[in-house]
Amino acid sequence: MSRGPGHVQCGIAAAFAEEPNRAFRVCELAAIVYAGEPIAKRHLNTVDRALRRLAPQIGLIPLRSRITAKKRPWANKWVRLGRAIPSFAEINAEIG
């Protein structure tokens, strides 16, 4: 039985509460949740799993955007429902 949201879900919710109009990538949220630690694949997986459980509760949807990296040509960005969904150009500009 769950004891409530853990530190990862609380960190994600706080990030979206602080910047409700921003779209976050999983690696950006992992850097926020695990501040000061080197981000490993296990951190990314944990944040992704927490996002999928938390998304319906706080109204998040995943978007896919094209990036230029050869190994990973697509990236998931999470945005809050009710926000104007950004175009691919806006998402790619945020990725840089």
Foldseek 3Di string as FASTA:
>chain_A
DDPDDDLLLVLVVVVCVVPQQDWAFLVRSLCRSVPPDDDDVVSSVVNVVSCVVCCVVQAKDWDWEAEDDPVDRITIIIHHPPHDDDDNVVVRVVVD
